[in-house]
Amino acid sequence: MILISNWKDCWKWISTQCFAAIAAGQSTYALYVMTLDKTEQIAFITTYGHYIAIATIALAFFGAFGRNINQTSLENKP
């Protein structure tokens, strides 16, 4: 495995930002649900679970799309 030459600029890429948002969102969701009691967990998941799933799917789609577009204009030019 070899790193790409511009790995220091990966935080600027759409895919990296989308996948970081997925990780942050799912972690926050899981930590919040763990603080609730059993009946509140069930109510929260049935009320908001599909919205969170849709947001995660959308971010994953945009992240995959971001992997396929040219983002050289975002990089620092020497």
PDB file of N, CA and C in Angstrom:
ATOM      1  N   MET A   1       0.841  -1.168   0.000  1.00  0.00           N
ATOM      2  CA  MET A   1       0.000   0.000   0.000  1.00  0.00           C
ATOM      3  C   MET A   1       0.892   1.238   0.000  1.00  0.00           C
ATOM      4  N   ILE A   2       0.620   2.141  -0.904  1.00  0.00           N
ATOM      5  CA  ILE A   2       1.380   3.377  -1.020  1.00  0.00           C
ATOM      6  C   ILE A   2       0.404   4.542  -0.969  1.00  0.00           C
ATOM      7  N   LEU A   3       0.717   5.553  -0.173  1.00  0.00           N
ATOM      8  CA  LEU A   3      -0.132   6.738  -0.100  1.00  0.00           C
ATOM      9  C   LEU A   3      -0.039   7.538  -1.391  1.00  0.00           C
ATOM     10  N   ILE A   4      -1.112   8.230  -1.704  1.00  0.00           N
ATOM     11  CA  ILE A   4      -1.088   9.102  -2.873  1.00  0.00           C
ATOM     12  C   ILE A   4      -0.199  10.302  -2.583  1.00  0.00           C
ATOM     13  N   SER A   5       0.236  10.977  -3.626  1.00  0.00           N
ATOM     14  CA  SER A   5       1.211  12.057  -3.452  1.00  0.00           C
ATOM     15  C   SER A   5       0.620  13.269  -2.727  1.00  0.00           C
ATOM     16  N   ASN A   6      -0.665  13.518  -2.873  1.00  0.00           N
ATOM     17  CA  ASN A   6      -1.274  14.689  -2.247  1.00  0.00           C
ATOM     18  C   ASN A   6      -2.160  14.317  -1.050  1.00  0.00           C
ATOM     19  N   TRP A   7      -1.723  13.372  -0.259  1.00  0.00           N
ATOM     20  CA  TRP A   7      -2.527  12.900   0.867  1.00  0.00           C
ATOM     21  C   TRP A   7      -2.751  13.976   1.919  1.00  0.00           C
ATOM     22  N   LYS A   8      -1.889  14.983   1.982  1.00  0.00           N
ATOM     23  CA  LYS A   8      -2.053  16.048   2.978  1.00  0.00           C
ATOM     24  C   LYS A   8      -3.238  16.960   2.659  1.00  0.00           C
ATOM     25  N   ASP A   9      -3.720  16.904   1.431  1.00  0.00           N
ATOM     26  CA  ASP A   9      -4.868  17.715   1.031  1.00  0.00           C
ATOM     27  C   ASP A   9      -6.185  16.953   1.094  1.00  0.00           C
ATOM     28  N   CYS A  10      -6.193  15.757   1.641  1.00  0.00           N
ATOM     29  CA  CYS A  10      -7.402  14.928   1.609  1.00  0.00           C
ATOM     30  C   CYS A  10      -8.558  15.534   2.405  1.00  0.00           C
ATOM     31  N   TRP A  11      -8.278  16.379   3.379  1.00  0.00           N
ATOM     32  CA  TRP A  11      -9.356  16.987   4.155  1.00  0.00           C
ATOM     33  C   TRP A  11     -10.191  17.935   3.300  1.00  0.00           C
ATOM     34  N   LYS A  12      -9.700  18.361   2.155  1.00  0.00           N
ATOM     35  CA  LYS A  12     -10.430  19.264   1.266  1.00  0.00           C
ATOM     36  C   LYS A  12     -11.390  18.517   0.342  1.00  0.00           C
ATOM     37  N   TRP A  13     -11.227  17.227   0.218  1.00  0.00           N
ATOM     38  CA  TRP A  13     -12.002  16.464  -0.753  1.00  0.00           C
ATOM     39  C   TRP A  13     -13.429  16.244  -0.266  1.00  0.00           C
ATOM     40  N   ILE A  14     -14.356  16.261  -1.198  1.00  0.00           N
ATOM     41  CA  ILE A  14     -15.766  16.067  -0.889  1.00  0.00           C
ATOM     42  C   ILE A  14     -15.989  14.709  -0.236  1.00  0.00           C
ATOM     43  N   SER A  15     -15.352  13.684  -0.754  1.00  0.00           N
ATOM     44  CA  SER A  15     -15.557  12.338  -0.223  1.00  0.00           C
ATOM     45  C   SER A  15     -15.092  12.244   1.228  1.00  0.00           C
ATOM     46  N   THR A  16     -13.956  12.827   1.547  1.00  0.00           N
ATOM     47  CA  THR A  16     -13.461  12.788   2.919  1.00  0.00           C
ATOM     48  C   THR A  16     -14.412  13.520   3.849  1.00  0.00           C
ATOM     49  N   GLN A  17     -14.921  14.661   3.427  1.00  0.00           N
ATOM     50  CA  GLN A  17     -15.837  15.430   4.261  1.00  0.00           C
ATOM     51  C   GLN A  17     -17.161  14.689   4.463  1.00  0.00           C
ATOM     52  N   CYS A  18     -17.667  14.050   3.416  1.00  0.00           N
ATOM     53  CA  CYS A  18     -18.920  13.294   3.544  1.00  0.00           C
ATOM     54  C   CYS A  18     -18.750  12.096   4.471  1.00  0.00           C
ATOM     55  N   PHE A  19     -17.659  11.360   4.311  1.00  0.00           N
ATOM     56  CA  PHE A  19     -17.465  10.187   5.156  1.00  0.00           C
ATOM     57  C   PHE A  19     -17.172  10.577   6.600  1.00  0.00           C
ATOM     58  N   ALA A  20     -16.539  11.718   6.823  1.00  0.00           N
ATOM     59  CA  ALA A  20     -16.339  12.217   8.183  1.00  0.00           C
ATOM     60  C   ALA A  20     -17.675  12.630   8.802  1.00  0.00           C
ATOM     61  N   ALA A  21     -18.551  13.230   8.001  1.00  0.00           N
ATOM     62  CA  ALA A  21     -19.880  13.596   8.492  1.00  0.00           C
ATOM     63  C   ALA A  21     -20.701  12.361   8.852  1.00  0.00           C
ATOM     64  N   ILE A  22     -20.577  11.300   8.056  1.00  0.00           N
ATOM     65  CA  ILE A  22     -21.263  10.049   8.376  1.00  0.00           C
ATOM     66  C   ILE A  22     -20.765   9.506   9.715  1.00  0.00           C
ATOM     67  N   ALA A  23     -19.451   9.461   9.889  1.00  0.00           N
ATOM     68  CA  ALA A  23     -18.885   8.937  11.135  1.00  0.00           C
ATOM     69  C   ALA A  23     -19.313   9.779  12.336  1.00  0.00           C
ATOM     70  N   ALA A  24     -19.280  11.099  12.198  1.00  0.00           N
ATOM     71  CA  ALA A  24     -19.673  11.977  13.301  1.00  0.00           C
ATOM     72  C   ALA A  24     -21.165  11.850  13.601  1.00  0.00           C
ATOM     73  N   GLY A  25     -21.977  11.826  12.570  1.00  0.00           N
ATOM     74  CA  GLY A  25     -23.421  11.721  12.762  1.00  0.00           C
ATOM     75  C   GLY A  25     -23.844  10.408  13.383  1.00  0.00           C
ATOM     76  N   GLN A  26     -23.300   9.313  12.885  1.00  0.00           N
ATOM     77  CA  GLN A  26     -23.657   8.009  13.438  1.00  0.00           C
ATOM     78  C   GLN A  26     -23.146   7.842  14.868  1.00  0.00           C
ATOM     79  N   SER A  27     -21.970   8.382  15.155  1.00  0.00           N
ATOM     80  CA  SER A  27     -21.438   8.309  16.518  1.00  0.00           C
ATOM     81  C   SER A  27     -22.300   9.111  17.478  1.00  0.00           C
ATOM     82  N   THR A  28     -22.681  10.310  17.073  1.00  0.00           N
ATOM     83  CA  THR A  28     -23.545  11.146  17.910  1.00  0.00           C
ATOM     84  C   THR A  28     -24.894  10.476  18.132  1.00  0.00           C
ATOM     85  N   TYR A  29     -25.460   9.927  17.077  1.00  0.00           N
ATOM     86  CA  TYR A  29     -26.739   9.223  17.158  1.00  0.00           C
ATOM     87  C   TYR A  29     -26.645   8.047  18.134  1.00  0.00           C
ATOM     88  N   ALA A  30     -25.607   7.245  18.000  1.00  0.00           N
ATOM     89  CA  ALA A  30     -25.453   6.075  18.864  1.00  0.00           C
ATOM     90  C   ALA A  30     -25.239   6.486  20.324  1.00  0.00           C
ATOM     91  N   LEU A  31     -24.402   7.483  20.555  1.00  0.00           N
ATOM     92  CA  LEU A  31     -24.152   7.923  21.931  1.00  0.00           C
ATOM     93  C   LEU A  31     -25.405   8.522  22.558  1.00  0.00           C
ATOM     94  N   TYR A  32     -26.178   9.268  21.782  1.00  0.00           N
ATOM     95  CA  TYR A  32     -27.410   9.840  22.322  1.00  0.00           C
ATOM     96  C   TYR A  32     -28.419   8.750  22.656  1.00  0.00           C
ATOM     97  N   VAL A  33     -28.587   7.797  21.767  1.00  0.00           N
ATOM     98  CA  VAL A  33     -29.565   6.727  22.004  1.00  0.00           C
ATOM     99  C   VAL A  33     -29.169   5.897  23.225  1.00  0.00           C
ATOM    100  N   MET A  34     -27.858   5.737  23.441  1.00  0.00           N
ATOM    101  CA  MET A  34     -27.420   4.955  24.611  1.00  0.00           C
ATOM    102  C   MET A  34     -27.765   5.647  25.918  1.00  0.00           C
ATOM    103  N   THR A  35     -27.975   6.964  25.912  1.00  0.00           N
ATOM    104  CA  THR A  35     -28.311   7.670  27.152  1.00  0.00           C
ATOM    105  C   THR A  35     -29.782   7.548  27.510  1.00  0.00           C
ATOM    106  N   LEU A  36     -30.606   7.089  26.596  1.00  0.00           N
ATOM    107  CA  LEU A  36     -32.039   6.976  26.834  1.00  0.00           C
ATOM    108  C   LEU A  36     -32.380   5.641  27.468  1.00  0.00           C
ATOM    109  N   ASP A  37     -33.535   5.579  28.148  1.00  0.00           N
ATOM    110  CA  ASP A  37     -33.968   4.271  28.643  1.00  0.00           C
ATOM    111  C   ASP A  37     -34.638   3.511  27.493  1.00  0.00           C
ATOM    112  N   LYS A  38     -34.996   2.267  27.756  1.00  0.00           N
ATOM    113  CA  LYS A  38     -35.456   1.356  26.694  1.00  0.00           C
ATOM    114  C   LYS A  38     -36.663   1.891  25.927  1.00  0.00           C
ATOM    115  N   THR A  39     -37.669   2.394  26.612  1.00  0.00           N
ATOM    116  CA  THR A  39     -38.865   2.870  25.907  1.00  0.00           C
ATOM    117  C   THR A  39     -38.573   4.143  25.119  1.00  0.00           C
ATOM    118  N   GLU A  40     -37.716   5.018  25.661  1.00  0.00           N
ATOM    119  CA  GLU A  40     -37.340   6.223  24.923  1.00  0.00           C
ATOM    120  C   GLU A  40     -36.500   5.881  23.697  1.00  0.00           C
ATOM    121  N   GLN A  41     -35.658   4.854  23.799  1.00  0.00           N
ATOM    122  CA  GLN A  41     -34.861   4.416  22.656  1.00  0.00           C
ATOM    123  C   GLN A  41     -35.760   3.961  21.520  1.00  0.00           C
ATOM    124  N   ILE A  42     -36.735   3.144  21.843  1.00  0.00           N
ATOM    125  CA  ILE A  42     -37.648   2.630  20.820  1.00  0.00           C
ATOM    126  C   ILE A  42     -38.423   3.773  20.173  1.00  0.00           C
ATOM    127  N   ALA A  43     -38.902   4.700  20.986  1.00  0.00           N
ATOM    128  CA  ALA A  43     -39.654   5.837  20.452  1.00  0.00           C
ATOM    129  C   ALA A  43     -38.766   6.721  19.570  1.00  0.00           C
ATOM    130  N   PHE A  44     -37.547   6.981  20.004  1.00  0.00           N
ATOM    131  CA  PHE A  44     -36.645   7.838  19.240  1.00  0.00           C
ATOM    132  C   PHE A  44     -36.285   7.192  17.912  1.00  0.00           C
ATOM    133  N   ILE A  45     -35.951   5.910  17.945  1.00  0.00           N
ATOM    134  CA  ILE A  45     -35.541   5.222  16.716  1.00  0.00           C
ATOM    135  C   ILE A  45     -36.703   5.122  15.736  1.00  0.00           C
ATOM    136  N   THR A  46     -37.910   4.828  16.231  1.00  0.00           N
ATOM    137  CA  THR A  46     -39.044   4.738  15.309  1.00  0.00           C
ATOM    138  C   THR A  46     -39.440   6.111  14.768  1.00  0.00           C
ATOM    139  N   THR A  47     -39.215   7.167  15.537  1.00  0.00           N
ATOM    140  CA  THR A  47     -39.567   8.502  15.076  1.00  0.00           C
ATOM    141  C   THR A  47     -38.530   9.076  14.112  1.00  0.00           C
ATOM    142  N   TYR A  48     -37.250   8.961  14.475  1.00  0.00           N
ATOM    143  CA  TYR A  48     -36.202   9.644  13.724  1.00  0.00           C
ATOM    144  C   TYR A  48     -35.249   8.716  12.974  1.00  0.00           C
ATOM    145  N   GLY A  49     -35.360   7.430  13.163  1.00  0.00           N
ATOM    146  CA  GLY A  49     -34.421   6.486  12.561  1.00  0.00           C
ATOM    147  C   GLY A  49     -34.369   6.549  11.051  1.00  0.00           C
ATOM    148  N   HIS A  50     -35.527   6.687  10.406  1.00  0.00           N
ATOM    149  CA  HIS A  50     -35.525   6.720   8.939  1.00  0.00           C
ATOM    150  C   HIS A  50     -34.913   8.010   8.403  1.00  0.00           C
ATOM    151  N   TYR A  51     -35.054   9.119   9.132  1.00  0.00           N
ATOM    152  CA  TYR A  51     -34.404  10.367   8.700  1.00  0.00           C
ATOM    153  C   TYR A  51     -32.883  10.241   8.768  1.00  0.00           C
ATOM    154  N   ILE A  52     -32.411   9.614   9.819  1.00  0.00           N
ATOM    155  CA  ILE A  52     -30.971   9.426   9.985  1.00  0.00           C
ATOM    156  C   ILE A  52     -30.440   8.475   8.918  1.00  0.00           C
ATOM    157  N   ALA A  53     -31.203   7.439   8.603  1.00  0.00           N
ATOM    158  CA  ALA A  53     -30.793   6.506   7.547  1.00  0.00           C
ATOM    159  C   ALA A  53     -30.745   7.207   6.191  1.00  0.00           C
ATOM    160  N   ILE A  54     -31.732   8.042   5.898  1.00  0.00           N
ATOM    161  CA  ILE A  54     -31.750   8.769   4.626  1.00  0.00           C
ATOM    162  C   ILE A  54     -30.571   9.721   4.540  1.00  0.00           C
ATOM    163  N   ALA A  55     -30.277  10.435   5.630  1.00  0.00           N
ATOM    164  CA  ALA A  55     -29.135  11.357   5.640  1.00  0.00           C
ATOM    165  C   ALA A  55     -27.822  10.603   5.434  1.00  0.00           C
ATOM    166  N   THR A  56     -27.686   9.435   6.065  1.00  0.00           N
ATOM    167  CA  THR A  56     -26.476   8.637   5.916  1.00  0.00           C
ATOM    168  C   THR A  56     -26.322   8.135   4.484  1.00  0.00           C
ATOM    169  N   ILE A  57     -27.400   7.667   3.903  1.00  0.00           N
ATOM    170  CA  ILE A  57     -27.363   7.186   2.522  1.00  0.00           C
ATOM    171  C   ILE A  57     -27.019   8.323   1.566  1.00  0.00           C
ATOM    172  N   ALA A  58     -27.616   9.502   1.787  1.00  0.00           N
ATOM    173  CA  ALA A  58     -27.332  10.650   0.924  1.00  0.00           C
ATOM    174  C   ALA A  58     -25.866  11.065   1.035  1.00  0.00           C
ATOM    175  N   LEU A  59     -25.344  11.131   2.251  1.00  0.00           N
ATOM    176  CA  LEU A  59     -23.934  11.489   2.428  1.00  0.00           C
ATOM    177  C   LEU A  59     -23.012  10.451   1.797  1.00  0.00           C
ATOM    178  N   ALA A  60     -23.360   9.168   1.909  1.00  0.00           N
ATOM    179  CA  ALA A  60     -22.551   8.122   1.285  1.00  0.00           C
ATOM    180  C   ALA A  60     -22.586   8.252  -0.238  1.00  0.00           C
ATOM    181  N   PHE A  61     -23.758   8.572  -0.787  1.00  0.00           N
ATOM    182  CA  PHE A  61     -23.861   8.777  -2.229  1.00  0.00           C
ATOM    183  C   PHE A  61     -22.995   9.948  -2.670  1.00  0.00           C
ATOM    184  N   PHE A  62     -23.096  11.078  -1.974  1.00  0.00           N
ATOM    185  CA  PHE A  62     -22.286  12.247  -2.331  1.00  0.00           C
ATOM    186  C   PHE A  62     -20.800  11.984  -2.122  1.00  0.00           C
ATOM    187  N   GLY A  63     -20.455  11.185  -1.129  1.00  0.00           N
ATOM    188  CA  GLY A  63     -19.059  10.814  -0.927  1.00  0.00           C
ATOM    189  C   GLY A  63     -18.534   9.967  -2.065  1.00  0.00           C
ATOM    190  N   ALA A  64     -19.334   9.006  -2.504  1.00  0.00           N
ATOM    191  CA  ALA A  64     -18.927   8.173  -3.640  1.00  0.00           C
ATOM    192  C   ALA A  64     -18.852   9.015  -4.914  1.00  0.00           C
ATOM    193  N   PHE A  65     -19.787   9.942  -5.081  1.00  0.00           N
ATOM    194  CA  PHE A  65     -19.752  10.841  -6.230  1.00  0.00           C
ATOM    195  C   PHE A  65     -18.509  11.721  -6.176  1.00  0.00           C
ATOM    196  N   GLY A  66     -18.166  12.190  -4.987  1.00  0.00           N
ATOM    197  CA  GLY A  66     -16.995  13.031  -4.822  1.00  0.00           C
ATOM    198  C   GLY A  66     -15.693  12.325  -5.152  1.00  0.00           C
ATOM    199  N   ARG A  67     -15.674  11.010  -5.029  1.00  0.00           N
ATOM    200  CA  ARG A  67     -14.477  10.248  -5.384  1.00  0.00           C
ATOM    201  C   ARG A  67     -14.253  10.231  -6.883  1.00  0.00           C
ATOM    202  N   ASN A  68     -15.285  10.516  -7.660  1.00  0.00           N
ATOM    203  CA  ASN A  68     -15.201  10.385  -9.111  1.00  0.00           C
ATOM    204  C   ASN A  68     -15.104  11.708  -9.858  1.00  0.00           C
ATOM    205  N   ILE A  69     -15.045  12.828  -9.150  1.00  0.00           N
ATOM    206  CA  ILE A  69     -14.922  14.102  -9.849  1.00  0.00           C
ATOM    207  C   ILE A  69     -13.536  14.686  -9.615  1.00  0.00           C
ATOM    208  N   ASN A  70     -13.094  15.491 -10.543  1.00  0.00           N
ATOM    209  CA  ASN A  70     -11.790  16.109 -10.468  1.00  0.00           C
ATOM    210  C   ASN A  70     -11.840  17.286  -9.499  1.00  0.00           C
ATOM    211  N   GLN A  71     -11.043  17.222  -8.449  1.00  0.00           N
ATOM    212  CA  GLN A  71     -11.037  18.265  -7.441  1.00  0.00           C
ATOM    213  C   GLN A  71      -9.678  18.952  -7.364  1.00  0.00           C
ATOM    214  N   THR A  72      -8.972  18.993  -8.468  1.00  0.00           N
ATOM    215  CA  THR A  72      -7.627  19.588  -8.457  1.00  0.00           C
ATOM    216  C   THR A  72      -7.673  21.075  -8.177  1.00  0.00           C
ATOM    217  N   SER A  73      -8.791  21.733  -8.439  1.00  0.00           N
ATOM    218  CA  SER A  73      -8.888  23.161  -8.159  1.00  0.00           C
ATOM    219  C   SER A  73      -8.891  23.435  -6.659  1.00  0.00           C
ATOM    220  N   LEU A  74      -9.155  22.420  -5.841  1.00  0.00           N
ATOM    221  CA  LEU A  74      -9.156  22.578  -4.382  1.00  0.00           C
ATOM    222  C   LEU A  74      -7.769  22.472  -3.787  1.00  0.00           C
ATOM    223  N   GLU A  75      -6.813  21.961  -4.548  1.00  0.00           N
ATOM    224  CA  GLU A  75      -5.485  21.735  -4.020  1.00  0.00           C
ATOM    225  C   GLU A  75      -4.661  23.013  -4.104  1.00  0.00           C
ATOM    226  N   ASN A  76      -3.684  23.108  -3.220  1.00  0.00           N
ATOM    227  CA  ASN A  76      -2.768  24.242  -3.262  1.00  0.00           C
ATOM    228  C   ASN A  76      -1.820  24.070  -4.438  1.00  0.00           C
ATOM    229  N   LYS A  77      -1.733  25.076  -5.268  1.00  0.00           N
ATOM    230  CA  LYS A  77      -0.818  25.035  -6.408  1.00  0.00           C
ATOM    231  C   LYS A  77       0.505  25.646  -5.998  1.00  0.00           C
ATOM    232  N   PRO A  78       1.620  24.972  -6.288  1.00  0.00           N
ATOM    233  CA  PRO A  78       2.931  25.536  -5.911  1.00  0.00           C
ATOM    234  C   PRO A  78       3.322  26.723  -6.773  1.00  0.00           C
TER     235      PRO A  78
END
